[in-house]
Protein backbone atom coordinates (compact mmCIF):
# COMPACT_ATOMS: atom_id res chain seq x y z
CA ALA A 1 -5.47 5.62 -26.36
CA PHE A 2 -3.47 3.62 -23.59
CA TYR A 3 -4.27 -0.08 -22.91
CA ILE A 4 -3.46 -2.75 -20.32
CA PHE A 5 -3.77 -6.71 -21.14
CA PRO A 6 -3.95 -8.30 -17.84
CA ASN A 7 -3.87 -11.99 -17.38
CA ILE A 8 -7.11 -13.12 -15.64
CA THR A 9 -6.67 -16.51 -15.91
CA SER A 10 -6.43 -17.23 -12.25
CA THR A 11 -9.79 -16.32 -11.58
CA GLY A 12 -11.08 -19.51 -13.66
CA LEU A 13 -13.73 -17.27 -15.80
CA THR A 14 -13.67 -17.12 -19.34
CA SER A 15 -12.48 -13.58 -21.04
CA VAL A 16 -16.25 -13.14 -21.88
CA GLU A 17 -17.30 -14.03 -18.35
CA PHE A 18 -15.35 -11.90 -16.50
CA ALA A 19 -15.92 -8.93 -18.74
CA GLU A 20 -19.39 -9.18 -18.50
CA ARG A 21 -19.56 -9.67 -14.74
CA LEU A 22 -16.86 -7.18 -14.09
CA LEU A 23 -19.61 -5.05 -15.77
CA MET A 24 -22.94 -6.11 -14.21
CA GLU A 25 -21.50 -6.45 -10.65
CA GLU A 26 -19.14 -3.51 -10.47
CA ARG A 27 -20.07 -1.18 -13.64
CA VAL A 28 -16.30 -1.31 -14.71
CA ALA A 29 -16.15 -1.63 -18.82
CA ALA A 30 -13.39 -3.85 -20.48
CA VAL A 31 -12.83 -5.75 -23.39
CA PRO A 32 -12.84 -9.95 -23.33
CA GLY A 33 -9.45 -10.55 -24.70
CA ASP A 34 -10.87 -13.42 -27.02
CA ALA A 35 -12.12 -10.26 -29.00
CA PHE A 36 -8.82 -10.26 -30.35
CA GLY A 37 -8.39 -13.81 -31.44
CA ALA A 38 -7.85 -17.38 -30.04
CA CYS A 39 -4.74 -16.31 -28.06
CA GLY A 40 -6.47 -13.23 -26.20
CA GLU A 41 -8.62 -15.90 -24.02
CA GLY A 42 -7.74 -15.21 -20.64
CA TYR A 43 -6.93 -11.56 -21.00
CA LEU A 44 -8.89 -8.68 -20.64
CA ARG A 45 -8.27 -5.32 -22.81
CA CYS A 46 -8.56 -2.24 -20.42
CA CYS A 47 -7.90 1.74 -21.44
CA TYR A 48 -6.02 3.77 -19.06
CA ALA A 49 -6.69 7.07 -21.05
CA THR A 50 -8.68 9.12 -18.16
CA ALA A 51 -8.05 10.70 -15.22
CA LEU A 52 -6.10 9.32 -11.81
CA PRO A 53 -9.26 9.68 -9.78
CA LYS A 54 -11.49 7.43 -12.21
CA LEU A 55 -8.55 5.06 -12.99
CA GLU A 56 -8.36 4.37 -9.14
CA GLU A 57 -12.15 3.91 -8.37
CA ALA A 58 -12.16 1.59 -11.08
CA LEU A 59 -9.34 -0.64 -9.76
CA ALA A 60 -10.94 -0.40 -6.71
CA ARG A 61 -13.81 -1.90 -7.81
CA MET A 62 -11.84 -4.40 -9.90
CA LYS A 63 -9.98 -5.52 -6.74
CA ARG A 64 -13.85 -5.76 -4.92
CA PHE A 65 -14.95 -8.27 -8.13
CA ILE A 66 -11.59 -10.52 -7.62
CA GLU A 67 -12.07 -10.62 -3.91
CA LYS A 68 -15.84 -11.86 -4.12
CA LEU A 69 -14.91 -15.16 -6.66
CA PRO A 70 -14.43 -18.19 -5.04
């Protein structure tokens, strides 16, 4: 599989908070970075091994989620 590990610290959320809210609010699944150890906190693991239209939809949902944050 192919993964990205974006830094989400600027959102002010923990990796668990971000992943849970992203799933509940936008129906996008990602793995909190802290699942990979303490150094993973502040990051999110996202798999991009899927069709381009699905990736585009997921990115649009992630953008919408981030734009709603204070």
